[in-house]
PDB file of N, CA and C in Angstrom:
ATOM      1  N   MET A   1      -4.468  53.313  -7.794  1.00  0.00           N
ATOM      2  CA  MET A   1      -5.248  52.779  -7.251  1.00  0.00           C
ATOM      3  C   MET A   1      -6.609  53.690  -6.809  1.00  0.00           C
ATOM      4  N   PRO A   2      -6.903  53.171  -6.359  1.00  0.00           N
ATOM      5  CA  PRO A   2      -8.685  54.338  -6.304  1.00  0.00           C
ATOM      6  C   PRO A   2      -8.447  55.287  -5.356  1.00  0.00           C
ATOM      7  N   GLU A   3      -9.602  56.117  -6.149  1.00  0.00           N
ATOM      8  CA  GLU A   3      -9.427  57.644  -4.850  1.00  0.00           C
ATOM      9  C   GLU A   3     -10.460  57.873  -4.453  1.00  0.00           C
ATOM     10  N   SER A   4     -10.639  58.705  -3.102  1.00  0.00           N
ATOM     11  CA  SER A   4     -11.402  59.976  -2.565  1.00  0.00           C
ATOM     12  C   SER A   4     -11.859  59.857  -3.463  1.00  0.00           C
ATOM     13  N   ASP A   5     -12.886  61.065  -4.391  1.00  0.00           N
ATOM     14  CA  ASP A   5     -13.733  62.380  -4.135  1.00  0.00           C
ATOM     15  C   ASP A   5     -13.644  63.283  -2.952  1.00  0.00           C
ATOM     16  N   GLU A   6     -13.947  65.126  -3.462  1.00  0.00           N
ATOM     17  CA  GLU A   6     -14.488  65.517  -2.474  1.00  0.00           C
ATOM     18  C   GLU A   6     -15.232  65.291  -1.646  1.00  0.00           C
ATOM     19  N   LYS A   7     -15.966  63.396  -1.739  1.00  0.00           N
ATOM     20  CA  LYS A   7     -17.950  64.140  -0.354  1.00  0.00           C
ATOM     21  C   LYS A   7     -16.499  63.088   0.109  1.00  0.00           C
ATOM     22  N   GLY A   8     -15.335  62.206  -0.205  1.00  0.00           N
ATOM     23  CA  GLY A   8     -14.692  61.252   0.655  1.00  0.00           C
ATOM     24  C   GLY A   8     -15.472  59.679   0.181  1.00  0.00           C
ATOM     25  N   ARG A   9     -15.882  59.937  -0.875  1.00  0.00           N
ATOM     26  CA  ARG A   9     -15.757  57.867  -1.470  1.00  0.00           C
ATOM     27  C   ARG A   9     -15.094  57.883  -2.079  1.00  0.00           C
ATOM     28  N   ILE A  10     -15.110  56.575  -2.147  1.00  0.00           N
ATOM     29  CA  ILE A  10     -13.955  56.303  -3.577  1.00  0.00           C
ATOM     30  C   ILE A  10     -14.590  56.247  -4.848  1.00  0.00           C
ATOM     31  N   VAL A  11     -14.591  56.487  -5.732  1.00  0.00           N
ATOM     32  CA  VAL A  11     -13.417  57.004  -7.135  1.00  0.00           C
ATOM     33  C   VAL A  11     -12.742  55.302  -7.803  1.00  0.00           C
ATOM     34  N   ILE A  12     -13.609  54.305  -8.631  1.00  0.00           N
ATOM     35  CA  ILE A  12     -12.891  52.924  -9.075  1.00  0.00           C
ATOM     36  C   ILE A  12     -12.970  53.826 -10.521  1.00  0.00           C
ATOM     37  N   THR A  13     -11.763  53.728 -11.034  1.00  0.00           N
ATOM     38  CA  THR A  13     -11.929  54.338 -12.072  1.00  0.00           C
ATOM     39  C   THR A  13     -11.475  53.200 -13.168  1.00  0.00           C
ATOM     40  N   MET A  14     -11.904  52.844 -14.961  1.00  0.00           N
ATOM     41  CA  MET A  14     -11.072  52.680 -15.057  1.00  0.00           C
ATOM     42  C   MET A  14     -10.044  51.545 -15.370  1.00  0.00           C
ATOM     43  N   LYS A  15      -9.503  53.127 -15.423  1.00  0.00           N
ATOM     44  CA  LYS A  15      -7.737  52.329 -15.151  1.00  0.00           C
ATOM     45  C   LYS A  15      -7.447  51.742 -14.695  1.00  0.00           C
ATOM     46  N   ASP A  16      -8.264  52.127 -13.085  1.00  0.00           N
ATOM     47  CA  ASP A  16      -7.464  51.479 -11.744  1.00  0.00           C
ATOM     48  C   ASP A  16      -8.288  49.495 -12.136  1.00  0.00           C
ATOM     49  N   ILE A  17      -9.599  49.459 -13.035  1.00  0.00           N
ATOM     50  CA  ILE A  17     -10.072  47.827 -12.939  1.00  0.00           C
ATOM     51  C   ILE A  17      -9.078  47.378 -13.961  1.00  0.00           C
ATOM     52  N   TYR A  18      -8.605  47.571 -14.771  1.00  0.00           N
ATOM     53  CA  TYR A  18      -8.009  47.448 -15.960  1.00  0.00           C
ATOM     54  C   TYR A  18      -6.877  47.316 -15.165  1.00  0.00           C
ATOM     55  N   ASP A  19      -6.060  48.021 -14.299  1.00  0.00           N
ATOM     56  CA  ASP A  19      -4.588  47.495 -13.603  1.00  0.00           C
ATOM     57  C   ASP A  19      -4.900  46.493 -12.429  1.00  0.00           C
ATOM     58  N   GLN A  20      -5.990  46.144 -11.956  1.00  0.00           N
ATOM     59  CA  GLN A  20      -6.721  45.611 -11.157  1.00  0.00           C
ATOM     60  C   GLN A  20      -6.176  44.016 -12.111  1.00  0.00           C
ATOM     61  N   GLN A  21      -6.969  44.122 -12.785  1.00  0.00           N
ATOM     62  CA  GLN A  21      -7.642  42.890 -14.005  1.00  0.00           C
ATOM     63  C   GLN A  21      -5.862  42.075 -15.007  1.00  0.00           C
ATOM     64  N   ASN A  22      -5.154  43.064 -14.752  1.00  0.00           N
ATOM     65  CA  ASN A  22      -4.428  43.167 -15.583  1.00  0.00           C
ATOM     66  C   ASN A  22      -2.417  42.470 -14.200  1.00  0.00           C
ATOM     67  N   SER A  23      -2.782  43.147 -12.996  1.00  0.00           N
ATOM     68  CA  SER A  23      -2.098  42.175 -11.646  1.00  0.00           C
ATOM     69  C   SER A  23      -2.525  40.840 -11.361  1.00  0.00           C
ATOM     70  N   LEU A  24      -4.234  40.957 -11.196  1.00  0.00           N
ATOM     71  CA  LEU A  24      -4.204  39.252 -11.243  1.00  0.00           C
ATOM     72  C   LEU A  24      -4.158  38.448 -12.043  1.00  0.00           C
ATOM     73  N   SER A  25      -4.410  38.799 -13.877  1.00  0.00           N
ATOM     74  CA  SER A  25      -4.148  38.315 -14.807  1.00  0.00           C
ATOM     75  C   SER A  25      -2.362  37.218 -14.438  1.00  0.00           C
ATOM     76  N   GLU A  26      -1.516  38.709 -14.041  1.00  0.00           N
ATOM     77  CA  GLU A  26      -0.233  37.964 -13.936  1.00  0.00           C
ATOM     78  C   GLU A  26      -0.115  37.055 -12.910  1.00  0.00           C
ATOM     79  N   GLU A  27      -0.285  37.358 -11.998  1.00  0.00           N
ATOM     80  CA  GLU A  27      -0.739  36.524 -10.905  1.00  0.00           C
ATOM     81  C   GLU A  27      -0.843  35.382 -10.728  1.00  0.00           C
ATOM     82  N   VAL A  28      -2.104  34.988 -11.863  1.00  0.00           N
ATOM     83  CA  VAL A  28      -2.936  33.913 -11.888  1.00  0.00           C
ATOM     84  C   VAL A  28      -2.022  33.436 -12.824  1.00  0.00           C
ATOM     85  N   SER A  29      -1.237  33.137 -14.236  1.00  0.00           N
ATOM     86  CA  SER A  29       0.493  32.935 -14.804  1.00  0.00           C
ATOM     87  C   SER A  29       1.317  32.372 -13.988  1.00  0.00           C
ATOM     88  N   ASN A  30       1.486  33.496 -12.895  1.00  0.00           N
ATOM     89  CA  ASN A  30       2.139  32.899 -12.363  1.00  0.00           C
ATOM     90  C   ASN A  30       2.088  31.953 -11.403  1.00  0.00           C
ATOM     91  N   LEU A  31       1.580  31.470 -11.069  1.00  0.00           N
ATOM     92  CA  LEU A  31       0.446  30.117 -10.576  1.00  0.00           C
ATOM     93  C   LEU A  31       0.358  28.961 -11.582  1.00  0.00           C
ATOM     94  N   SER A  32      -0.018  29.896 -12.539  1.00  0.00           N
ATOM     95  CA  SER A  32      -0.492  27.857 -13.480  1.00  0.00           C
ATOM     96  C   SER A  32       0.691  27.779 -14.322  1.00  0.00           C
ATOM     97  N   LYS A  33       2.308  28.353 -14.047  1.00  0.00           N
ATOM     98  CA  LYS A  33       3.501  28.123 -14.712  1.00  0.00           C
ATOM     99  C   LYS A  33       3.441  27.395 -13.032  1.00  0.00           C
ATOM    100  N   ASN A  34       4.160  28.093 -11.880  1.00  0.00           N
ATOM    101  CA  ASN A  34       4.158  27.693 -10.729  1.00  0.00           C
ATOM    102  C   ASN A  34       3.305  26.003 -10.581  1.00  0.00           C
ATOM    103  N   PHE A  35       2.101  25.860 -11.029  1.00  0.00           N
ATOM    104  CA  PHE A  35       1.607  24.242 -10.597  1.00  0.00           C
ATOM    105  C   PHE A  35       1.716  23.070 -12.097  1.00  0.00           C
ATOM    106  N   GLU A  36       2.120  24.411 -12.900  1.00  0.00           N
ATOM    107  CA  GLU A  36       3.063  22.966 -13.867  1.00  0.00           C
ATOM    108  C   GLU A  36       4.469  22.553 -13.902  1.00  0.00           C
ATOM    109  N   LYS A  37       5.100  23.192 -12.644  1.00  0.00           N
ATOM    110  CA  LYS A  37       7.044  22.796 -12.594  1.00  0.00           C
ATOM    111  C   LYS A  37       5.740  22.237 -11.613  1.00  0.00           C
ATOM    112  N   MET A  38       5.421  22.600 -10.792  1.00  0.00           N
ATOM    113  CA  MET A  38       4.453  20.861  -9.456  1.00  0.00           C
ATOM    114  C   MET A  38       4.673  19.760  -9.841  1.00  0.00           C
ATOM    115  N   THR A  39       3.832  20.026 -10.821  1.00  0.00           N
ATOM    116  CA  THR A  39       3.091  18.820 -11.680  1.00  0.00           C
ATOM    117  C   THR A  39       4.296  18.036 -12.966  1.00  0.00           C
ATOM    118  N   SER A  40       5.146  18.935 -13.084  1.00  0.00           N
ATOM    119  CA  SER A  40       6.520  17.564 -13.350  1.00  0.00           C
ATOM    120  C   SER A  40       6.925  17.312 -12.469  1.00  0.00           C
ATOM    121  N   SER A  41       6.966  18.302 -11.740  1.00  0.00           N
ATOM    122  CA  SER A  41       7.806  17.752 -10.389  1.00  0.00           C
ATOM    123  C   SER A  41       7.538  16.227  -9.919  1.00  0.00           C
ATOM    124  N   LEU A  42       5.931  15.983  -9.659  1.00  0.00           N
ATOM    125  CA  LEU A  42       5.584  15.486  -8.847  1.00  0.00           C
ATOM    126  C   LEU A  42       5.699  13.687  -9.348  1.00  0.00           C
ATOM    127  N   LYS A  43       5.907  14.501 -11.683  1.00  0.00           N
ATOM    128  CA  LYS A  43       5.806  12.364 -12.364  1.00  0.00           C
ATOM    129  C   LYS A  43       7.231  13.126 -11.886  1.00  0.00           C
ATOM    130  N   ASP A  44       8.339  13.464 -12.462  1.00  0.00           N
ATOM    131  CA  ASP A  44       9.464  12.440 -11.706  1.00  0.00           C
ATOM    132  C   ASP A  44       9.411  12.710 -10.558  1.00  0.00           C
ATOM    133  N   VAL A  45       8.727  13.221  -8.933  1.00  0.00           N
ATOM    134  CA  VAL A  45       9.513  12.175  -8.027  1.00  0.00           C
ATOM    135  C   VAL A  45       8.086  10.752  -7.759  1.00  0.00           C
ATOM    136  N   LYS A  46       7.295  10.246  -8.873  1.00  0.00           N
ATOM    137  CA  LYS A  46       6.422   8.894  -8.891  1.00  0.00           C
ATOM    138  C   LYS A  46       7.429   7.761  -9.878  1.00  0.00           C
ATOM    139  N   GLU A  47       8.707   8.891 -10.686  1.00  0.00           N
ATOM    140  CA  GLU A  47       8.926   7.570 -11.689  1.00  0.00           C
ATOM    141  C   GLU A  47      10.384   7.586 -10.552  1.00  0.00           C
ATOM    142  N   ILE A  48      10.330   8.274  -9.478  1.00  0.00           N
ATOM    143  CA  ILE A  48      11.721   7.674  -8.928  1.00  0.00           C
ATOM    144  C   ILE A  48      11.420   7.492  -7.913  1.00  0.00           C
ATOM    145  N   GLU A  49      10.022   7.322  -7.670  1.00  0.00           N
ATOM    146  CA  GLU A  49       9.648   6.208  -6.179  1.00  0.00           C
ATOM    147  C   GLU A  49       9.488   4.594  -6.940  1.00  0.00           C
ATOM    148  N   LYS A  50       9.209   4.905  -7.827  1.00  0.00           N
ATOM    149  CA  LYS A  50       9.194   3.534  -9.110  1.00  0.00           C
ATOM    150  C   LYS A  50      10.757   2.918  -8.854  1.00  0.00           C
ATOM    151  N   ILE A  51      11.536   3.807  -9.529  1.00  0.00           N
ATOM    152  CA  ILE A  51      12.585   3.543  -9.353  1.00  0.00           C
ATOM    153  C   ILE A  51      13.620   2.882  -8.635  1.00  0.00           C
ATOM    154  N   SER A  52      13.097   3.381  -7.298  1.00  0.00           N
ATOM    155  CA  SER A  52      13.400   3.216  -5.761  1.00  0.00           C
ATOM    156  C   SER A  52      13.054   2.304  -5.138  1.00  0.00           C
ATOM    157  N   ARG A  53      11.946   1.689  -5.783  1.00  0.00           N
ATOM    158  CA  ARG A  53      10.731   0.548  -5.531  1.00  0.00           C
ATOM    159  C   ARG A  53      11.344  -0.755  -5.723  1.00  0.00           C
ATOM    160  N   LYS A  54      12.301  -0.343  -7.166  1.00  0.00           N
ATOM    161  CA  LYS A  54      12.417  -1.300  -7.784  1.00  0.00           C
ATOM    162  C   LYS A  54      14.090  -2.258  -7.515  1.00  0.00           C
ATOM    163  N   ALA A  55      14.257  -0.474  -7.075  1.00  0.00           N
ATOM    164  CA  ALA A  55      15.836  -1.425  -6.285  1.00  0.00           C
ATOM    165  C   ALA A  55      15.900  -1.581  -4.836  1.00  0.00           C
ATOM    166  N   LEU A  56      14.663  -1.215  -3.866  1.00  0.00           N
ATOM    167  CA  LEU A  56      14.818  -2.131  -3.640  1.00  0.00           C
ATOM    168  C   LEU A  56      14.507  -3.778  -3.141  1.00  0.00           C
ATOM    169  N   GLU A  57      13.202  -4.168  -4.165  1.00  0.00           N
ATOM    170  CA  GLU A  57      12.789  -5.469  -4.434  1.00  0.00           C
ATOM    171  C   GLU A  57      14.702  -5.936  -4.488  1.00  0.00           C
ATOM    172  N   ILE A  58      15.420  -5.174  -5.700  1.00  0.00           N
ATOM    173  CA  ILE A  58      16.483  -5.641  -6.587  1.00  0.00           C
ATOM    174  C   ILE A  58      16.876  -6.398  -4.434  1.00  0.00           C
ATOM    175  N   ALA A  59      18.110  -4.886  -4.004  1.00  0.00           N
ATOM    176  CA  ALA A  59      17.583  -5.387  -3.218  1.00  0.00           C
ATOM    177  C   ALA A  59      17.245  -6.460  -2.009  1.00  0.00           C
ATOM    178  N   ASN A  60      16.991  -6.447  -1.674  1.00  0.00           N
ATOM    179  CA  ASN A  60      15.982  -7.132  -0.526  1.00  0.00           C
ATOM    180  C   ASN A  60      16.175  -8.846  -1.546  1.00  0.00           C
ATOM    181  N   ASN A  61      15.802  -9.032  -3.431  1.00  0.00           N
ATOM    182  CA  ASN A  61      16.419 -10.652  -3.118  1.00  0.00           C
ATOM    183  C   ASN A  61      17.768 -11.186  -3.070  1.00  0.00           C
ATOM    184  N   ALA A  62      18.692  -9.570  -3.810  1.00  0.00           N
ATOM    185  CA  ALA A  62      19.971  -9.589  -3.263  1.00  0.00           C
ATOM    186  C   ALA A  62      19.994 -10.353  -1.864  1.00  0.00           C
ATOM    187  N   ASP A  63      19.594 -10.035  -1.282  1.00  0.00           N
ATOM    188  CA  ASP A  63      19.778 -10.444   0.446  1.00  0.00           C
ATOM    189  C   ASP A  63      19.391 -11.372   0.919  1.00  0.00           C
ATOM    190  N   ASP A  64      17.958 -11.608   0.572  1.00  0.00           N
ATOM    191  CA  ASP A  64      17.309 -13.602   0.535  1.00  0.00           C
ATOM    192  C   ASP A  64      18.041 -14.078  -0.330  1.00  0.00           C
ATOM    193  N   LYS A  65      19.430 -14.256  -0.714  1.00  0.00           N
ATOM    194  CA  LYS A  65      20.583 -15.205  -1.941  1.00  0.00           C
ATOM    195  C   LYS A  65      20.977 -15.331  -1.027  1.00  0.00           C
ATOM    196  N   SER A  66      21.894 -13.719  -1.006  1.00  0.00           N
ATOM    197  CA  SER A  66      23.433 -13.850   0.366  1.00  0.00           C
ATOM    198  C   SER A  66      22.931 -15.736   1.127  1.00  0.00           C
ATOM    199  N   ASP A  67      21.776 -14.669   2.201  1.00  0.00           N
ATOM    200  CA  ASP A  67      22.027 -15.964   2.552  1.00  0.00           C
ATOM    201  C   ASP A  67      21.339 -16.889   2.972  1.00  0.00           C
ATOM    202  N   GLN A  68      20.066 -17.065   1.722  1.00  0.00           N
ATOM    203  CA  GLN A  68      20.638 -18.391   1.252  1.00  0.00           C
ATOM    204  C   GLN A  68      22.537 -19.304   0.449  1.00  0.00           C
ATOM    205  N   ALA A  69      22.844 -18.703  -0.093  1.00  0.00           N
ATOM    206  CA  ALA A  69      23.945 -18.853   0.241  1.00  0.00           C
ATOM    207  C   ALA A  69      25.539 -18.835   1.393  1.00  0.00           C
ATOM    208  N   LEU A  70      24.754 -18.680   1.692  1.00  0.00           N
ATOM    209  CA  LEU A  70      25.713 -18.753   3.694  1.00  0.00           C
ATOM    210  C   LEU A  70      24.621 -19.950   4.380  1.00  0.00           C
ATOM    211  N   LYS A  71      23.740 -20.085   4.538  1.00  0.00           N
ATOM    212  CA  LYS A  71      23.342 -20.925   4.869  1.00  0.00           C
ATOM    213  C   LYS A  71      23.855 -22.455   3.725  1.00  0.00           C
ATOM    214  N   ASN A  72      24.406 -22.528   2.709  1.00  0.00           N
ATOM    215  CA  ASN A  72      24.189 -23.214   1.432  1.00  0.00           C
ATOM    216  C   ASN A  72      25.998 -23.690   2.358  1.00  0.00           C
ATOM    217  N   ASP A  73      26.799 -22.750   2.031  1.00  0.00           N
ATOM    218  CA  ASP A  73      27.918 -22.396   3.008  1.00  0.00           C
ATOM    219  C   ASP A  73      27.882 -23.020   3.617  1.00  0.00           C
ATOM    220  N   GLU A  74      27.070 -22.742   5.005  1.00  0.00           N
ATOM    221  CA  GLU A  74      27.753 -23.276   6.164  1.00  0.00           C
ATOM    222  C   GLU A  74      26.902 -25.353   5.953  1.00  0.00           C
ATOM    223  N   LYS A  75      25.989 -25.455   5.448  1.00  0.00           N
ATOM    224  CA  LYS A  75      25.511 -26.378   5.145  1.00  0.00           C
ATOM    225  C   LYS A  75      26.912 -27.570   4.915  1.00  0.00           C
ATOM    226  N   VAL A  76      27.700 -26.920   3.471  1.00  0.00           N
ATOM    227  CA  VAL A  76      28.522 -28.037   2.894  1.00  0.00           C
ATOM    228  C   VAL A  76      29.565 -27.950   4.221  1.00  0.00           C
ATOM    229  N   GLU A  77      30.025 -27.301   4.454  1.00  0.00           N
ATOM    230  CA  GLU A  77      31.717 -26.976   5.849  1.00  0.00           C
ATOM    231  C   GLU A  77      30.307 -27.530   6.647  1.00  0.00           C
ATOM    232  N   ARG A  78      29.064 -28.380   7.503  1.00  0.00           N
ATOM    233  CA  ARG A  78      29.638 -29.332   8.233  1.00  0.00           C
ATOM    234  C   ARG A  78      29.095 -30.024   7.804  1.00  0.00           C
ATOM    235  N   GLN A  79      28.733 -30.723   5.788  1.00  0.00           N
ATOM    236  CA  GLN A  79      28.449 -31.935   5.070  1.00  0.00           C
ATOM    237  C   GLN A  79      30.836 -31.741   5.211  1.00  0.00           C
ATOM    238  N   LYS A  80      31.338 -31.107   4.696  1.00  0.00           N
ATOM    239  CA  LYS A  80      32.848 -31.692   4.892  1.00  0.00           C
ATOM    240  C   LYS A  80      33.585 -32.139   6.696  1.00  0.00           C
ATOM    241  N   GLU A  81      33.021 -31.343   7.618  1.00  0.00           N
ATOM    242  CA  GLU A  81      33.599 -31.882   8.537  1.00  0.00           C
ATOM    243  C   GLU A  81      32.901 -33.379   8.982  1.00  0.00           C
ATOM    244  N   GLN A  82      31.499 -33.424   8.437  1.00  0.00           N
ATOM    245  CA  GLN A  82      30.986 -35.517   9.046  1.00  0.00           C
ATOM    246  C   GLN A  82      32.248 -35.692   8.522  1.00  0.00           C
ATOM    247  N   LEU A  83      32.500 -35.627   6.991  1.00  0.00           N
ATOM    248  CA  LEU A  83      32.727 -36.416   5.563  1.00  0.00           C
ATOM    249  C   LEU A  83      34.835 -36.319   6.483  1.00  0.00           C
ATOM    250  N   LYS A  84      34.859 -35.796   6.956  1.00  0.00           N
ATOM    251  CA  LYS A  84      36.648 -35.662   7.529  1.00  0.00           C
ATOM    252  C   LYS A  84      35.967 -36.739   9.297  1.00  0.00           C
ATOM    253  N   ASN A  85      35.255 -36.521   9.724  1.00  0.00           N
ATOM    254  CA  ASN A  85      35.721 -37.389  10.892  1.00  0.00           C
ATOM    255  C   ASN A  85      35.542 -38.841  10.431  1.00  0.00           C
ATOM    256  N   VAL A  86      34.286 -39.132   9.513  1.00  0.00           N
ATOM    257  CA  VAL A  86      33.760 -40.664   9.138  1.00  0.00           C
ATOM    258  C   VAL A  86      35.321 -41.163   8.110  1.00  0.00           C
ATOM    259  N   TRP A  87      36.315 -40.112   6.936  1.00  0.00           N
ATOM    260  CA  TRP A  87      36.948 -40.958   6.671  1.00  0.00           C
ATOM    261  C   TRP A  87      38.047 -41.343   8.086  1.00  0.00           C
ATOM    262  N   VAL A  88      38.439 -39.992   9.663  1.00  0.00           N
ATOM    263  CA  VAL A  88      40.018 -41.123  10.279  1.00  0.00           C
ATOM    264  C   VAL A  88      38.863 -41.441  10.772  1.00  0.00           C
ATOM    265  N   LYS A  89      37.902 -41.760  11.818  1.00  0.00           N
ATOM    266  CA  LYS A  89      37.271 -42.507  11.593  1.00  0.00           C
ATOM    267  C   LYS A  89      37.981 -44.690  11.360  1.00  0.00           C
ATOM    268  N   SER A  90      37.149 -44.026   9.957  1.00  0.00           N
ATOM    269  CA  SER A  90      37.518 -45.233   9.199  1.00  0.00           C
ATOM    270  C   SER A  90      39.070 -45.651   8.977  1.00  0.00           C
ATOM    271  N   LEU A  91      39.530 -44.871   8.925  1.00  0.00           N
ATOM    272  CA  LEU A  91      41.276 -44.852   9.078  1.00  0.00           C
ATOM    273  C   LEU A  91      41.349 -45.630   9.896  1.00  0.00           C
ATOM    274  N   LEU A  92      40.719 -45.497  11.344  1.00  0.00           N
ATOM    275  CA  LEU A  92      41.501 -46.061  13.141  1.00  0.00           C
ATOM    276  C   LEU A  92      40.307 -47.378  12.933  1.00  0.00           C
ATOM    277  N   ALA A  93      39.614 -47.264  12.381  1.00  0.00           N
ATOM    278  CA  ALA A  93      38.624 -49.094  12.033  1.00  0.00           C
ATOM    279  C   ALA A  93      40.062 -49.323  11.189  1.00  0.00           C
ATOM    280  N   THR A  94      39.917 -49.498  10.375  1.00  0.00           N
ATOM    281  CA  THR A  94      41.058 -49.227   9.582  1.00  0.00           C
ATOM    282  C   THR A  94      42.472 -50.589   9.833  1.00  0.00           C
ATOM    283  N   LEU A  95      43.754 -49.365  10.450  1.00  0.00           N
ATOM    284  CA  LEU A  95      43.902 -49.581  10.366  1.00  0.00           C
ATOM    285  C   LEU A  95      44.856 -49.906  12.421  1.00  0.00           C
ATOM    286  N   LEU A  96      44.272 -49.906  12.744  1.00  0.00           N
ATOM    287  CA  LEU A  96      43.444 -50.369  14.498  1.00  0.00           C
ATOM    288  C   LEU A  96      44.215 -51.034  14.941  1.00  0.00           C
ATOM    289  N   PRO A  97      42.841 -52.302  14.054  1.00  0.00           N
ATOM    290  CA  PRO A  97      43.415 -53.991  14.098  1.00  0.00           C
ATOM    291  C   PRO A  97      44.673 -54.614  13.565  1.00  0.00           C
ATOM    292  N   TRP A  98      45.350 -53.687  12.213  1.00  0.00           N
ATOM    293  CA  TRP A  98      46.840 -54.055  11.592  1.00  0.00           C
ATOM    294  C   TRP A  98      48.146 -53.973  12.865  1.00  0.00           C
ATOM    295  N   GLY A  99      47.852 -53.169  13.688  1.00  0.00           N
ATOM    296  CA  GLY A  99      48.633 -51.883  14.152  1.00  0.00           C
ATOM    297  C   GLY A  99      48.985 -52.668  15.565  1.00  0.00           C
ATOM    298  N   LEU A 100      47.248 -53.693  16.640  1.00  0.00           N
ATOM    299  CA  LEU A 100      47.446 -53.977  17.461  1.00  0.00           C
ATOM    300  C   LEU A 100      48.248 -55.846  16.751  1.00  0.00           C
ATOM    301  N   ALA A 101      47.922 -56.206  15.713  1.00  0.00           N
ATOM    302  CA  ALA A 101      47.909 -57.457  15.869  1.00  0.00           C
ATOM    303  C   ALA A 101      49.732 -57.636  14.998  1.00  0.00           C
ATOM    304  N   LEU A 102      50.022 -56.231  15.120  1.00  0.00           N
ATOM    305  CA  LEU A 102      51.949 -55.985  15.209  1.00  0.00           C
ATOM    306  C   LEU A 102      51.865 -56.289  16.206  1.00  0.00           C
ATOM    307  N   VAL A 103      51.336 -54.689  17.096  1.00  0.00           N
ATOM    308  CA  VAL A 103      52.466 -55.149  18.546  1.00  0.00           C
ATOM    309  C   VAL A 103      52.408 -56.094  18.548  1.00  0.00           C
ATOM    310  N   VAL A 104      51.158 -57.335  18.769  1.00  0.00           N
ATOM    311  CA  VAL A 104      50.883 -58.282  19.904  1.00  0.00           C
ATOM    312  C   VAL A 104      52.449 -59.481  19.171  1.00  0.00           C
ATOM    313  N   GLY A 105      52.141 -59.257  17.765  1.00  0.00           N
ATOM    314  CA  GLY A 105      52.955 -59.920  17.198  1.00  0.00           C
ATOM    315  C   GLY A 105      54.394 -60.017  17.383  1.00  0.00           C
ATOM    316  N   VAL A 106      54.428 -58.860  17.067  1.00  0.00           N
ATOM    317  CA  VAL A 106      56.232 -58.554  18.218  1.00  0.00           C
ATOM    318  C   VAL A 106      56.555 -59.209  19.061  1.00  0.00           C
ATOM    319  N   ILE A 107      55.263 -59.009  20.657  1.00  0.00           N
ATOM    320  CA  ILE A 107      55.468 -59.475  21.424  1.00  0.00           C
ATOM    321  C   ILE A 107      55.871 -60.455  21.653  1.00  0.00           C
ATOM    322  N   LEU A 108      54.603 -61.399  21.001  1.00  0.00           N
ATOM    323  CA  LEU A 108      55.209 -63.336  20.678  1.00  0.00           C
ATOM    324  C   LEU A 108      56.070 -63.142  20.681  1.00  0.00           C
ATOM    325  N   LEU A 109      56.883 -63.111  19.524  1.00  0.00           N
ATOM    326  CA  LEU A 109      57.858 -62.981  18.869  1.00  0.00           C
ATOM    327  C   LEU A 109      59.160 -63.285  19.671  1.00  0.00           C
ATOM    328  N   ILE A 110      59.345 -61.936  20.391  1.00  0.00           N
ATOM    329  CA  ILE A 110      60.084 -61.452  21.519  1.00  0.00           C
ATOM    330  C   ILE A 110      60.063 -62.395  22.183  1.00  0.00           C
ATOM    331  N   LYS A 111      58.575 -63.563  23.288  1.00  0.00           N
ATOM    332  CA  LYS A 111      59.205 -63.562  24.435  1.00  0.00           C
ATOM    333  C   LYS A 111      59.184 -65.009  23.610  1.00  0.00           C
ATOM    334  N   ASN A 112      58.210 -65.236  22.255  1.00  0.00           N
ATOM    335  CA  ASN A 112      59.101 -66.705  22.103  1.00  0.00           C
ATOM    336  C   ASN A 112      60.767 -66.728  21.349  1.00  0.00           C
ATOM    337  N   GLY A 113      61.283 -65.891  21.729  1.00  0.00           N
ATOM    338  CA  GLY A 113      62.850 -65.648  20.975  1.00  0.00           C
ATOM    339  C   GLY A 113      62.462 -65.750  19.565  1.00  0.00           C
ATOM    340  N   GLY A 114      62.166 -65.430  18.731  1.00  0.00           N
ATOM    341  CA  GLY A 114      61.742 -65.232  17.829  1.00  0.00           C
ATOM    342  C   GLY A 114      62.549 -64.797  17.485  1.00  0.00           C
ATOM    343  N   ILE A 115      62.839 -62.714  17.934  1.00  0.00           N
ATOM    344  CA  ILE A 115      63.374 -61.897  17.498  1.00  0.00           C
ATOM    345  C   ILE A 115      64.977 -62.179  17.645  1.00  0.00           C
TER     346      ILE A 115
END
């Protein structure tokens, strides 16, 4: 470090300048290394962000497809229910006249003494 002489003036020697320059050089070197690490980390962060965005896009697509599949499943269930209702109505429409004809026939046979 600089020293003061007998008159109170600060005297800076060549050794002081050399020591400060070396110290400064080391600090600049350390800063450079830290900057390189940060730059490398930033590249990694950018790559991770890119991967993350791709994963988010895939997840959103999967969510859209699952929503569509659920809608399709609900549509199929509605169609099955409608088909079941049509089948029951058709069966009743077919069997009801036969059942009524049988009941009327049995009643007529009983009244006329056929049985």
